[in-house]
Amino acid sequence: MEKLLVCIQCPQGCKLMVKTEGEEVLVAGNKCPRGASYARQELLNPCRTLTTTVRTEFPDFPLLPVRTAGEIPLGSLFAAMGEINRLLVRNRLRPGDVVLERVSGTDVPLIATADMTLN
């Protein structure tokens, strides 16, 4: 299997050619080691940071912007959104406060990205 990727790990934007030979992942086109690492990760277990909003019980702040504190597997995004859509924030939070300890069976927390305590 061959795949063409554009590396997003640094501003160079290297065009990477990734292919598998058996269990080995071969990467060409990277100008730094981060490109090879990115290509392997993207081929074997693609992950993303999830950003969305969570409902709150506060009329002056009905939706709280949130994001995962790290990347979660791409295949878990829909399950994570289902879980997040069932949440209701009942406390005033600040950026970095944990909204959900573990998103969709991962060890990655969901955190607030806005300050609900400001008037």
PDB file of N, CA and C in Angstrom:
ATOM      1  N   MET A   1       0.838  -1.181   0.000  1.00  0.00           N
ATOM      2  CA  MET A   1       0.000   0.000   0.000  1.00  0.00           C
ATOM      3  C   MET A   1       0.885   1.246   0.000  1.00  0.00           C
ATOM      4  N   GLU A   2       0.608   2.175  -0.890  1.00  0.00           N
ATOM      5  CA  GLU A   2       1.335   3.447  -0.951  1.00  0.00           C
ATOM      6  C   GLU A   2       0.376   4.584  -0.657  1.00  0.00           C
ATOM      7  N   LYS A   3       0.909   5.588   0.024  1.00  0.00           N
ATOM      8  CA  LYS A   3       0.082   6.743   0.368  1.00  0.00           C
ATOM      9  C   LYS A   3       0.940   8.001   0.290  1.00  0.00           C
ATOM     10  N   LEU A   4       0.377   9.084  -0.254  1.00  0.00           N
ATOM     11  CA  LEU A   4       1.055  10.368  -0.319  1.00  0.00           C
ATOM     12  C   LEU A   4       0.501  11.246   0.791  1.00  0.00           C
ATOM     13  N   LEU A   5       1.384  11.817   1.613  1.00  0.00           N
ATOM     14  CA  LEU A   5       1.002  12.688   2.717  1.00  0.00           C
ATOM     15  C   LEU A   5       1.794  13.979   2.649  1.00  0.00           C
ATOM     16  N   VAL A   6       1.245  15.024   3.236  1.00  0.00           N
ATOM     17  CA  VAL A   6       1.992  16.257   3.440  1.00  0.00           C
ATOM     18  C   VAL A   6       2.211  16.372   4.938  1.00  0.00           C
ATOM     19  N   CYS A   7       3.462  16.443   5.339  1.00  0.00           N
ATOM     20  CA  CYS A   7       3.815  16.497   6.754  1.00  0.00           C
ATOM     21  C   CYS A   7       3.373  17.841   7.353  1.00  0.00           C
ATOM     22  N   ILE A   8       2.787  17.782   8.549  1.00  0.00           N
ATOM     23  CA  ILE A   8       2.327  18.997   9.236  1.00  0.00           C
ATOM     24  C   ILE A   8       3.085  19.239  10.538  1.00  0.00           C
ATOM     25  N   GLN A   9       4.225  18.565  10.707  1.00  0.00           N
ATOM     26  CA  GLN A   9       4.966  18.678  11.952  1.00  0.00           C
ATOM     27  C   GLN A   9       5.869  19.904  12.036  1.00  0.00           C
ATOM     28  N   CYS A  10       6.186  20.498  10.915  1.00  0.00           N
ATOM     29  CA  CYS A  10       6.983  21.725  10.917  1.00  0.00           C
ATOM     30  C   CYS A  10       6.599  22.544   9.680  1.00  0.00           C
ATOM     31  N   PRO A  11       7.066  23.756   9.557  1.00  0.00           N
ATOM     32  CA  PRO A  11       6.664  24.621   8.431  1.00  0.00           C
ATOM     33  C   PRO A  11       7.147  24.171   7.048  1.00  0.00           C
ATOM     34  N   GLN A  12       8.032  23.183   6.957  1.00  0.00           N
ATOM     35  CA  GLN A  12       8.552  22.784   5.651  1.00  0.00           C
ATOM     36  C   GLN A  12       7.495  22.116   4.770  1.00  0.00           C
ATOM     37  N   GLY A  13       6.513  21.436   5.367  1.00  0.00           N
ATOM     38  CA  GLY A  13       5.453  20.801   4.586  1.00  0.00           C
ATOM     39  C   GLY A  13       5.967  19.777   3.588  1.00  0.00           C
ATOM     40  N   CYS A  14       6.830  18.896   4.027  1.00  0.00           N
ATOM     41  CA  CYS A  14       7.402  17.891   3.126  1.00  0.00           C
ATOM     42  C   CYS A  14       6.328  16.985   2.538  1.00  0.00           C
ATOM     43  N   LYS A  15       6.501  16.644   1.260  1.00  0.00           N
ATOM     44  CA  LYS A  15       5.628  15.668   0.615  1.00  0.00           C
ATOM     45  C   LYS A  15       6.231  14.295   0.884  1.00  0.00           C
ATOM     46  N   LEU A  16       5.467  13.481   1.596  1.00  0.00           N
ATOM     47  CA  LEU A  16       5.955  12.172   2.020  1.00  0.00           C
ATOM     48  C   LEU A  16       5.307  11.064   1.212  1.00  0.00           C
ATOM     49  N   MET A  17       6.101  10.106   0.807  1.00  0.00           N
ATOM     50  CA  MET A  17       5.583   8.897   0.185  1.00  0.00           C
ATOM     51  C   MET A  17       5.768   7.789   1.211  1.00  0.00           C
ATOM     52  N   VAL A  18       4.669   7.168   1.588  1.00  0.00           N
ATOM     53  CA  VAL A  18       4.694   6.140   2.620  1.00  0.00           C
ATOM     54  C   VAL A  18       4.198   4.842   2.017  1.00  0.00           C
ATOM     55  N   LYS A  19       4.930   3.772   2.255  1.00  0.00           N
ATOM     56  CA  LYS A  19       4.452   2.477   1.789  1.00  0.00           C
ATOM     57  C   LYS A  19       4.845   1.410   2.790  1.00  0.00           C
ATOM     58  N   THR A  20       4.098   0.333   2.758  1.00  0.00           N
ATOM     59  CA  THR A  20       4.379  -0.783   3.654  1.00  0.00           C
ATOM     60  C   THR A  20       4.915  -1.941   2.839  1.00  0.00           C
ATOM     61  N   GLU A  21       5.894  -2.587   3.418  1.00  0.00           N
ATOM     62  CA  GLU A  21       6.432  -3.833   2.862  1.00  0.00           C
ATOM     63  C   GLU A  21       6.404  -4.826   4.005  1.00  0.00           C
ATOM     64  N   GLY A  22       5.404  -5.689   3.987  1.00  0.00           N
ATOM     65  CA  GLY A  22       5.200  -6.589   5.124  1.00  0.00           C
ATOM     66  C   GLY A  22       4.757  -5.759   6.317  1.00  0.00           C
ATOM     67  N   GLU A  23       5.507  -5.862   7.395  1.00  0.00           N
ATOM     68  CA  GLU A  23       5.186  -5.069   8.586  1.00  0.00           C
ATOM     69  C   GLU A  23       6.036  -3.807   8.684  1.00  0.00           C
ATOM     70  N   GLU A  24       6.924  -3.610   7.723  1.00  0.00           N
ATOM     71  CA  GLU A  24       7.812  -2.450   7.727  1.00  0.00           C
ATOM     72  C   GLU A  24       7.148  -1.270   7.028  1.00  0.00           C
ATOM     73  N   VAL A  25       7.278  -0.082   7.617  1.00  0.00           N
ATOM     74  CA  VAL A  25       6.752   1.148   7.035  1.00  0.00           C
ATOM     75  C   VAL A  25       7.935   1.942   6.495  1.00  0.00           C
ATOM     76  N   LEU A  26       7.916   2.206   5.188  1.00  0.00           N
ATOM     77  CA  LEU A  26       9.002   2.951   4.541  1.00  0.00           C
ATOM     78  C   LEU A  26       8.509   4.351   4.215  1.00  0.00           C
ATOM     79  N   VAL A  27       9.326   5.350   4.572  1.00  0.00           N
ATOM     80  CA  VAL A  27       8.958   6.750   4.360  1.00  0.00           C
ATOM     81  C   VAL A  27      10.037   7.419   3.521  1.00  0.00           C
ATOM     82  N   ALA A  28       9.616   8.134   2.493  1.00  0.00           N
ATOM     83  CA  ALA A  28      10.549   8.895   1.659  1.00  0.00           C
ATOM     84  C   ALA A  28      10.036  10.320   1.538  1.00  0.00           C
ATOM     85  N   GLY A  29      10.957  11.266   1.382  1.00  0.00           N
ATOM     86  CA  GLY A  29      10.604  12.660   1.164  1.00  0.00           C
ATOM     87  C   GLY A  29      10.694  13.542   2.398  1.00  0.00           C
ATOM     88  N   ASN A  30      10.922  12.942   3.544  1.00  0.00           N
ATOM     89  CA  ASN A  30      11.011  13.754   4.768  1.00  0.00           C
ATOM     90  C   ASN A  30      12.389  14.393   4.878  1.00  0.00           C
ATOM     91  N   LYS A  31      12.401  15.655   5.329  1.00  0.00           N
ATOM     92  CA  LYS A  31      13.658  16.379   5.512  1.00  0.00           C
ATOM     93  C   LYS A  31      14.134  16.345   6.956  1.00  0.00           C
ATOM     94  N   CYS A  32      13.295  15.812   7.850  1.00  0.00           N
ATOM     95  CA  CYS A  32      13.697  15.682   9.252  1.00  0.00           C
ATOM     96  C   CYS A  32      13.052  14.428   9.831  1.00  0.00           C
ATOM     97  N   PRO A  33      13.541  13.954  10.969  1.00  0.00           N
ATOM     98  CA  PRO A  33      13.008  12.722  11.576  1.00  0.00           C
ATOM     99  C   PRO A  33      11.535  12.836  11.968  1.00  0.00           C
ATOM    100  N   ARG A  34      11.070  14.053  12.243  1.00  0.00           N
ATOM    101  CA  ARG A  34       9.663  14.210  12.637  1.00  0.00           C
ATOM    102  C   ARG A  34       8.723  13.798  11.515  1.00  0.00           C
ATOM    103  N   GLY A  35       9.144  14.002  10.264  1.00  0.00           N
ATOM    104  CA  GLY A  35       8.319  13.617   9.127  1.00  0.00           C
ATOM    105  C   GLY A  35       8.114  12.116   9.054  1.00  0.00           C
ATOM    106  N   ALA A  36       9.179  11.372   9.292  1.00  0.00           N
ATOM    107  CA  ALA A  36       9.069   9.909   9.272  1.00  0.00           C
ATOM    108  C   ALA A  36       8.176   9.415  10.397  1.00  0.00           C
ATOM    109  N   SER A  37       8.325  10.001  11.571  1.00  0.00           N
ATOM    110  CA  SER A  37       7.498   9.629  12.720  1.00  0.00           C
ATOM    111  C   SER A  37       6.028   9.947  12.445  1.00  0.00           C
ATOM    112  N   TYR A  38       5.756  11.145  11.902  1.00  0.00           N
ATOM    113  CA  TYR A  38       4.393  11.556  11.561  1.00  0.00           C
ATOM    114  C   TYR A  38       3.774  10.589  10.556  1.00  0.00           C
ATOM    115  N   ALA A  39       4.506  10.229   9.522  1.00  0.00           N
ATOM    116  CA  ALA A  39       3.981   9.351   8.477  1.00  0.00           C
ATOM    117  C   ALA A  39       3.631   7.975   9.044  1.00  0.00           C
ATOM    118  N   ARG A  40       4.498   7.429   9.878  1.00  0.00           N
ATOM    119  CA  ARG A  40       4.212   6.129  10.490  1.00  0.00           C
ATOM    120  C   ARG A  40       2.951   6.194  11.353  1.00  0.00           C
ATOM    121  N   GLN A  41       2.868   7.236  12.168  1.00  0.00           N
ATOM    122  CA  GLN A  41       1.696   7.412  13.032  1.00  0.00           C
ATOM    123  C   GLN A  41       0.425   7.552  12.193  1.00  0.00           C
ATOM    124  N   GLU A  42       0.491   8.346  11.149  1.00  0.00           N
ATOM    125  CA  GLU A  42      -0.678   8.601  10.306  1.00  0.00           C
ATOM    126  C   GLU A  42      -1.115   7.331   9.572  1.00  0.00           C
ATOM    127  N   LEU A  43      -0.185   6.494   9.219  1.00  0.00           N
ATOM    128  CA  LEU A  43      -0.517   5.255   8.515  1.00  0.00           C
ATOM    129  C   LEU A  43      -1.031   4.184   9.470  1.00  0.00           C
ATOM    130  N   LEU A  44      -0.399   4.039  10.628  1.00  0.00           N
ATOM    131  CA  LEU A  44      -0.734   2.950  11.539  1.00  0.00           C
ATOM    132  C   LEU A  44      -1.860   3.281  12.519  1.00  0.00           C
ATOM    133  N   ASN A  45      -1.882   4.511  13.026  1.00  0.00           N
ATOM    134  CA  ASN A  45      -2.883   4.889  14.023  1.00  0.00           C
ATOM    135  C   ASN A  45      -3.111   6.397  13.975  1.00  0.00           C
ATOM    136  N   PRO A  46      -3.852   6.882  12.972  1.00  0.00           N
ATOM    137  CA  PRO A  46      -4.061   8.327  12.866  1.00  0.00           C
ATOM    138  C   PRO A  46      -4.829   8.862  14.079  1.00  0.00           C
ATOM    139  N   CYS A  47      -4.386   9.997  14.593  1.00  0.00           N
ATOM    140  CA  CYS A  47      -4.997  10.619  15.765  1.00  0.00           C
ATOM    141  C   CYS A  47      -5.248  12.099  15.488  1.00  0.00           C
ATOM    142  N   ARG A  48      -6.224  12.665  16.200  1.00  0.00           N
ATOM    143  CA  ARG A  48      -6.558  14.072  16.038  1.00  0.00           C
ATOM    144  C   ARG A  48      -6.908  14.690  17.375  1.00  0.00           C
ATOM    145  N   THR A  49      -6.737  16.006  17.476  1.00  0.00           N
ATOM    146  CA  THR A  49      -7.259  16.774  18.603  1.00  0.00           C
ATOM    147  C   THR A  49      -8.688  17.137  18.244  1.00  0.00           C
ATOM    148  N   LEU A  50      -9.610  16.934  19.183  1.00  0.00           N
ATOM    149  CA  LEU A  50     -11.017  17.209  18.950  1.00  0.00           C
ATOM    150  C   LEU A  50     -11.388  18.530  19.608  1.00  0.00           C
ATOM    151  N   THR A  51     -11.964  19.440  18.848  1.00  0.00           N
ATOM    152  CA  THR A  51     -12.461  20.705  19.394  1.00  0.00           C
ATOM    153  C   THR A  51     -13.954  20.781  19.107  1.00  0.00           C
ATOM    154  N   THR A  52     -14.717  21.203  20.113  1.00  0.00           N
ATOM    155  CA  THR A  52     -16.165  21.288  19.972  1.00  0.00           C
ATOM    156  C   THR A  52     -16.711  22.170  21.093  1.00  0.00           C
ATOM    157  N   THR A  53     -17.996  22.073  21.353  1.00  0.00           N
ATOM    158  CA  THR A  53     -18.612  22.792  22.465  1.00  0.00           C
ATOM    159  C   THR A  53     -19.440  21.816  23.294  1.00  0.00           C
ATOM    160  N   VAL A  54     -19.653  22.205  24.557  1.00  0.00           N
ATOM    161  CA  VAL A  54     -20.473  21.425  25.478  1.00  0.00           C
ATOM    162  C   VAL A  54     -21.571  22.337  26.010  1.00  0.00           C
ATOM    163  N   ARG A  55     -22.779  21.794  26.136  1.00  0.00           N
ATOM    164  CA  ARG A  55     -23.889  22.570  26.681  1.00  0.00           C
ATOM    165  C   ARG A  55     -23.638  22.862  28.163  1.00  0.00           C
ATOM    166  N   THR A  56     -24.134  24.021  28.620  1.00  0.00           N
ATOM    167  CA  THR A  56     -24.044  24.377  30.030  1.00  0.00           C
ATOM    168  C   THR A  56     -25.452  24.709  30.529  1.00  0.00           C
ATOM    169  N   GLU A  57     -25.598  24.843  31.844  1.00  0.00           N
ATOM    170  CA  GLU A  57     -26.895  25.235  32.403  1.00  0.00           C
ATOM    171  C   GLU A  57     -27.007  26.737  32.615  1.00  0.00           C
ATOM    172  N   PHE A  58     -26.050  27.502  32.108  1.00  0.00           N
ATOM    173  CA  PHE A  58     -26.011  28.938  32.330  1.00  0.00           C
ATOM    174  C   PHE A  58     -26.555  29.700  31.119  1.00  0.00           C
ATOM    175  N   PRO A  59     -27.635  30.462  31.282  1.00  0.00           N
ATOM    176  CA  PRO A  59     -28.213  31.199  30.153  1.00  0.00           C
ATOM    177  C   PRO A  59     -27.254  32.207  29.534  1.00  0.00           C
ATOM    178  N   ASP A  60     -26.353  32.782  30.341  1.00  0.00           N
ATOM    179  CA  ASP A  60     -25.403  33.760  29.806  1.00  0.00           C
ATOM    180  C   ASP A  60     -24.200  33.089  29.127  1.00  0.00           C
ATOM    181  N   PHE A  61     -24.079  31.763  29.246  1.00  0.00           N
ATOM    182  CA  PHE A  61     -22.962  31.017  28.660  1.00  0.00           C
ATOM    183  C   PHE A  61     -23.480  29.627  28.262  1.00  0.00           C
ATOM    184  N   PRO A  62     -24.360  29.558  27.248  1.00  0.00           N
ATOM    185  CA  PRO A  62     -25.025  28.287  26.934  1.00  0.00           C
ATOM    186  C   PRO A  62     -24.113  27.201  26.354  1.00  0.00           C
ATOM    187  N   LEU A  63     -23.034  27.596  25.696  1.00  0.00           N
ATOM    188  CA  LEU A  63     -22.096  26.632  25.121  1.00  0.00           C
ATOM    189  C   LEU A  63     -20.676  26.961  25.564  1.00  0.00           C
ATOM    190  N   LEU A  64     -19.964  25.948  26.039  1.00  0.00           N
ATOM    191  CA  LEU A  64     -18.582  26.112  26.483  1.00  0.00           C
ATOM    192  C   LEU A  64     -17.650  25.492  25.447  1.00  0.00           C
ATOM    193  N   PRO A  65     -16.723  26.262  24.879  1.00  0.00           N
ATOM    194  CA  PRO A  65     -15.738  25.675  23.964  1.00  0.00           C
ATOM    195  C   PRO A  65     -14.806  24.733  24.737  1.00  0.00           C
ATOM    196  N   VAL A  66     -14.543  23.574  24.142  1.00  0.00           N
ATOM    197  CA  VAL A  66     -13.687  22.567  24.767  1.00  0.00           C
ATOM    198  C   VAL A  66     -12.786  21.946  23.712  1.00  0.00           C
ATOM    199  N   ARG A  67     -11.755  21.244  24.182  1.00  0.00           N
ATOM    200  CA  ARG A  67     -10.896  20.462  23.287  1.00  0.00           C
ATOM    201  C   ARG A  67     -10.286  19.321  24.078  1.00  0.00           C
ATOM    202  N   THR A  68      -9.827  18.311  23.373  1.00  0.00           N
ATOM    203  CA  THR A  68      -9.101  17.249  24.044  1.00  0.00           C
ATOM    204  C   THR A  68      -7.717  17.774  24.400  1.00  0.00           C
ATOM    205  N   ALA A  69      -7.195  17.344  25.531  1.00  0.00           N
ATOM    206  CA  ALA A  69      -5.880  17.813  25.980  1.00  0.00           C
ATOM    207  C   ALA A  69      -4.747  17.139  25.211  1.00  0.00           C
ATOM    208  N   GLY A  70      -5.086  16.234  24.359  1.00  0.00           N
ATOM    209  CA  GLY A  70      -4.120  15.542  23.505  1.00  0.00           C
ATOM    210  C   GLY A  70      -4.883  14.948  22.335  1.00  0.00           C
ATOM    211  N   GLU A  71      -4.205  14.132  21.575  1.00  0.00           N
ATOM    212  CA  GLU A  71      -4.846  13.532  20.410  1.00  0.00           C
ATOM    213  C   GLU A  71      -5.512  12.221  20.796  1.00  0.00           C
ATOM    214  N   ILE A  72      -6.630  11.935  20.121  1.00  0.00           N
ATOM    215  CA  ILE A  72      -7.327  10.665  20.297  1.00  0.00           C
ATOM    216  C   ILE A  72      -7.384   9.973  18.939  1.00  0.00           C
ATOM    217  N   PRO A  73      -7.525   8.652  18.926  1.00  0.00           N
ATOM    218  CA  PRO A  73      -7.578   7.940  17.637  1.00  0.00           C
ATOM    219  C   PRO A  73      -8.710   8.455  16.753  1.00  0.00           C
ATOM    220  N   LEU A  74      -8.414   8.603  15.493  1.00  0.00           N
ATOM    221  CA  LEU A  74      -9.379   9.111  14.525  1.00  0.00           C
ATOM    222  C   LEU A  74     -10.659   8.282  14.528  1.00  0.00           C
ATOM    223  N   GLY A  75     -10.538   6.983  14.715  1.00  0.00           N
ATOM    224  CA  GLY A  75     -11.698   6.107  14.743  1.00  0.00           C
ATOM    225  C   GLY A  75     -12.589   6.316  15.950  1.00  0.00           C
ATOM    226  N   SER A  76     -12.128   7.034  16.957  1.00  0.00           N
ATOM    227  CA  SER A  76     -12.907   7.282  18.171  1.00  0.00           C
ATOM    228  C   SER A  76     -13.663   8.605  18.143  1.00  0.00           C
ATOM    229  N   LEU A  77     -13.498   9.395  17.101  1.00  0.00           N
ATOM    230  CA  LEU A  77     -14.094  10.730  17.089  1.00  0.00           C
ATOM    231  C   LEU A  77     -15.619  10.717  17.193  1.00  0.00           C
ATOM    232  N   PHE A  78     -16.286   9.840  16.447  1.00  0.00           N
ATOM    233  CA  PHE A  78     -17.753   9.818  16.501  1.00  0.00           C
ATOM    234  C   PHE A  78     -18.254   9.356  17.860  1.00  0.00           C
ATOM    235  N   ALA A  79     -17.613   8.355  18.455  1.00  0.00           N
ATOM    236  CA  ALA A  79     -17.988   7.901  19.797  1.00  0.00           C
ATOM    237  C   ALA A  79     -17.750   9.010  20.808  1.00  0.00           C
ATOM    238  N   ALA A  80     -16.636   9.728  20.661  1.00  0.00           N
ATOM    239  CA  ALA A  80     -16.330  10.833  21.570  1.00  0.00           C
ATOM    240  C   ALA A  80     -17.380  11.927  21.463  1.00  0.00           C
ATOM    241  N   MET A  81     -17.792  12.251  20.254  1.00  0.00           N
ATOM    242  CA  MET A  81     -18.811  13.286  20.078  1.00  0.00           C
ATOM    243  C   MET A  81     -20.147  12.858  20.679  1.00  0.00           C
ATOM    244  N   GLY A  82     -20.495  11.584  20.567  1.00  0.00           N
ATOM    245  CA  GLY A  82     -21.715  11.090  21.185  1.00  0.00           C
ATOM    246  C   GLY A  82     -21.678  11.258  22.686  1.00  0.00           C
ATOM    247  N   GLU A  83     -20.521  10.957  23.268  1.00  0.00           N
ATOM    248  CA  GLU A  83     -20.320  11.106  24.709  1.00  0.00           C
ATOM    249  C   GLU A  83     -20.375  12.579  25.119  1.00  0.00           C
ATOM    250  N   ILE A  84     -19.710  13.430  24.370  1.00  0.00           N
ATOM    251  CA  ILE A  84     -19.652  14.864  24.672  1.00  0.00           C
ATOM    252  C   ILE A  84     -21.029  15.512  24.522  1.00  0.00           C
ATOM    253  N   ASN A  85     -21.792  15.082  23.536  1.00  0.00           N
ATOM    254  CA  ASN A  85     -23.120  15.662  23.315  1.00  0.00           C
ATOM    255  C   ASN A  85     -24.086  15.374  24.460  1.00  0.00           C
ATOM    256  N   ARG A  86     -23.799  14.364  25.282  1.00  0.00           N
ATOM    257  CA  ARG A  86     -24.650  14.049  26.428  1.00  0.00           C
ATOM    258  C   ARG A  86     -24.257  14.824  27.689  1.00  0.00           C
ATOM    259  N   LEU A  87     -23.150  15.567  27.636  1.00  0.00           N
ATOM    260  CA  LEU A  87     -22.669  16.304  28.813  1.00  0.00           C
ATOM    261  C   LEU A  87     -23.464  17.586  29.035  1.00  0.00           C
ATOM    262  N   LEU A  88     -23.535  17.989  30.292  1.00  0.00           N
ATOM    263  CA  LEU A  88     -24.090  19.288  30.672  1.00  0.00           C
ATOM    264  C   LEU A  88     -23.202  19.848  31.776  1.00  0.00           C
ATOM    265  N   VAL A  89     -22.562  20.977  31.522  1.00  0.00           N
ATOM    266  CA  VAL A  89     -21.679  21.604  32.503  1.00  0.00           C
ATOM    267  C   VAL A  89     -22.535  22.344  33.528  1.00  0.00           C
ATOM    268  N   ARG A  90     -22.302  22.045  34.809  1.00  0.00           N
ATOM    269  CA  ARG A  90     -23.102  22.630  35.888  1.00  0.00           C
ATOM    270  C   ARG A  90     -22.282  23.564  36.791  1.00  0.00           C
ATOM    271  N   ASN A  91     -20.985  23.712  36.497  1.00  0.00           N
ATOM    272  CA  ASN A  91     -20.106  24.600  37.266  1.00  0.00           C
ATOM    273  C   ASN A  91     -19.448  25.603  36.330  1.00  0.00           C
ATOM    274  N   ARG A  92     -19.129  26.768  36.862  1.00  0.00           N
ATOM    275  CA  ARG A  92     -18.380  27.769  36.093  1.00  0.00           C
ATOM    276  C   ARG A  92     -16.930  27.294  35.991  1.00  0.00           C
ATOM    277  N   LEU A  93     -16.426  27.196  34.779  1.00  0.00           N
ATOM    278  CA  LEU A  93     -15.080  26.676  34.550  1.00  0.00           C
ATOM    279  C   LEU A  93     -14.176  27.738  33.950  1.00  0.00           C
ATOM    280  N   ARG A  94     -12.881  27.464  34.060  1.00  0.00           N
ATOM    281  CA  ARG A  94     -11.835  28.311  33.464  1.00  0.00           C
ATOM    282  C   ARG A  94     -11.045  27.493  32.452  1.00  0.00           C
ATOM    283  N   PRO A  95     -10.287  28.161  31.594  1.00  0.00           N
ATOM    284  CA  PRO A  95      -9.482  27.416  30.623  1.00  0.00           C
ATOM    285  C   PRO A  95      -8.555  26.407  31.320  1.00  0.00           C
ATOM    286  N   GLY A  96      -8.554  25.199  30.806  1.00  0.00           N
ATOM    287  CA  GLY A  96      -7.725  24.136  31.363  1.00  0.00           C
ATOM    288  C   GLY A  96      -8.445  23.259  32.367  1.00  0.00           C
ATOM    289  N   ASP A  97      -9.589  23.715  32.869  1.00  0.00           N
ATOM    290  CA  ASP A  97     -10.364  22.884  33.796  1.00  0.00           C
ATOM    291  C   ASP A  97     -10.881  21.654  33.045  1.00  0.00           C
ATOM    292  N   VAL A  98     -10.865  20.527  33.715  1.00  0.00           N
ATOM    293  CA  VAL A  98     -11.295  19.272  33.105  1.00  0.00           C
ATOM    294  C   VAL A  98     -12.818  19.178  33.101  1.00  0.00           C
ATOM    295  N   VAL A  99     -13.365  18.935  31.932  1.00  0.00           N
ATOM    296  CA  VAL A  99     -14.799  18.757  31.763  1.00  0.00           C
ATOM    297  C   VAL A  99     -15.142  17.268  31.843  1.00  0.00           C
ATOM    298  N   LEU A 100     -14.279  16.420  31.271  1.00  0.00           N
ATOM    299  CA  LEU A 100     -14.449  14.973  31.254  1.00  0.00           C
ATOM    300  C   LEU A 100     -13.066  14.345  31.404  1.00  0.00           C
ATOM    301  N   GLU A 101     -12.904  13.476  32.398  1.00  0.00           N
ATOM    302  CA  GLU A 101     -11.582  12.896  32.704  1.00  0.00           C
ATOM    303  C   GLU A 101     -10.990  12.081  31.559  1.00  0.00           C
ATOM    304  N   ARG A 102     -11.800  11.243  30.944  1.00  0.00           N
ATOM    305  CA  ARG A 102     -11.319  10.338  29.899  1.00  0.00           C
ATOM    306  C   ARG A 102     -12.316  10.340  28.740  1.00  0.00           C
ATOM    307  N   VAL A 103     -11.875  10.797  27.603  1.00  0.00           N
ATOM    308  CA  VAL A 103     -12.743  10.867  26.428  1.00  0.00           C
ATOM    309  C   VAL A 103     -12.763   9.518  25.721  1.00  0.00           C
ATOM    310  N   SER A 104     -13.934   8.973  25.567  1.00  0.00           N
ATOM    311  CA  SER A 104     -14.171   7.787  24.740  1.00  0.00           C
ATOM    312  C   SER A 104     -13.181   6.645  24.995  1.00  0.00           C
ATOM    313  N   GLY A 105     -12.977   6.316  26.260  1.00  0.00           N
ATOM    314  CA  GLY A 105     -12.123   5.190  26.606  1.00  0.00           C
ATOM    315  C   GLY A 105     -10.631   5.439  26.479  1.00  0.00           C
ATOM    316  N   THR A 106     -10.231   6.663  26.239  1.00  0.00           N
ATOM    317  CA  THR A 106      -8.804   6.990  26.171  1.00  0.00           C
ATOM    318  C   THR A 106      -8.376   7.573  27.516  1.00  0.00           C
ATOM    319  N   ASP A 107      -7.105   7.851  27.671  1.00  0.00           N
ATOM    320  CA  ASP A 107      -6.608   8.524  28.875  1.00  0.00           C
ATOM    321  C   ASP A 107      -6.539  10.032  28.682  1.00  0.00           C
ATOM    322  N   VAL A 108      -7.162  10.536  27.624  1.00  0.00           N
ATOM    323  CA  VAL A 108      -7.084  11.949  27.269  1.00  0.00           C
ATOM    324  C   VAL A 108      -8.294  12.696  27.848  1.00  0.00           C
ATOM    325  N   PRO A 109      -8.044  13.739  28.655  1.00  0.00           N
ATOM    326  CA  PRO A 109      -9.165  14.510  29.195  1.00  0.00           C
ATOM    327  C   PRO A 109      -9.701  15.538  28.198  1.00  0.00           C
ATOM    328  N   LEU A 110     -10.943  15.923  28.421  1.00  0.00           N
ATOM    329  CA  LEU A 110     -11.575  17.010  27.685  1.00  0.00           C
ATOM    330  C   LEU A 110     -11.498  18.235  28.573  1.00  0.00           C
ATOM    331  N   ILE A 111     -10.947  19.344  28.060  1.00  0.00           N
ATOM    332  CA  ILE A 111     -10.750  20.540  28.885  1.00  0.00           C
ATOM    333  C   ILE A 111     -11.482  21.751  28.318  1.00  0.00           C
ATOM    334  N   ALA A 112     -11.824  22.659  29.217  1.00  0.00           N
ATOM    335  CA  ALA A 112     -12.443  23.925  28.822  1.00  0.00           C
ATOM    336  C   ALA A 112     -11.395  24.811  28.150  1.00  0.00           C
ATOM    337  N   THR A 113     -11.843  25.631  27.204  1.00  0.00           N
ATOM    338  CA  THR A 113     -10.914  26.561  26.551  1.00  0.00           C
ATOM    339  C   THR A 113     -11.370  28.007  26.679  1.00  0.00           C
ATOM    340  N   ALA A 114     -12.420  28.247  27.461  1.00  0.00           N
ATOM    341  CA  ALA A 114     -12.901  29.599  27.686  1.00  0.00           C
ATOM    342  C   ALA A 114     -13.138  29.795  29.184  1.00  0.00           C
ATOM    343  N   ASP A 115     -13.180  31.045  29.588  1.00  0.00           N
ATOM    344  CA  ASP A 115     -13.379  31.396  30.998  1.00  0.00           C
ATOM    345  C   ASP A 115     -14.835  31.767  31.232  1.00  0.00           C
ATOM    346  N   MET A 116     -15.541  30.924  31.956  1.00  0.00           N
ATOM    347  CA  MET A 116     -16.957  31.174  32.265  1.00  0.00           C
ATOM    348  C   MET A 116     -17.126  32.078  33.482  1.00  0.00           C
ATOM    349  N   THR A 117     -16.033  32.395  34.156  1.00  0.00           N
ATOM    350  CA  THR A 117     -16.124  33.182  35.397  1.00  0.00           C
ATOM    351  C   THR A 117     -16.071  34.679  35.163  1.00  0.00           C
ATOM    352  N   LEU A 118     -15.714  35.085  33.935  1.00  0.00           N
ATOM    353  CA  LEU A 118     -15.656  36.505  33.613  1.00  0.00           C
ATOM    354  C   LEU A 118     -17.045  37.041  33.323  1.00  0.00           C
ATOM    355  N   ASN A 119     -17.297  38.268  33.703  1.00  0.00           N
ATOM    356  CA  ASN A 119     -18.614  38.884  33.407  1.00  0.00           C
ATOM    357  C   ASN A 119     -18.587  39.597  32.102  1.00  0.00           C
TER     358      ASN A 119
END
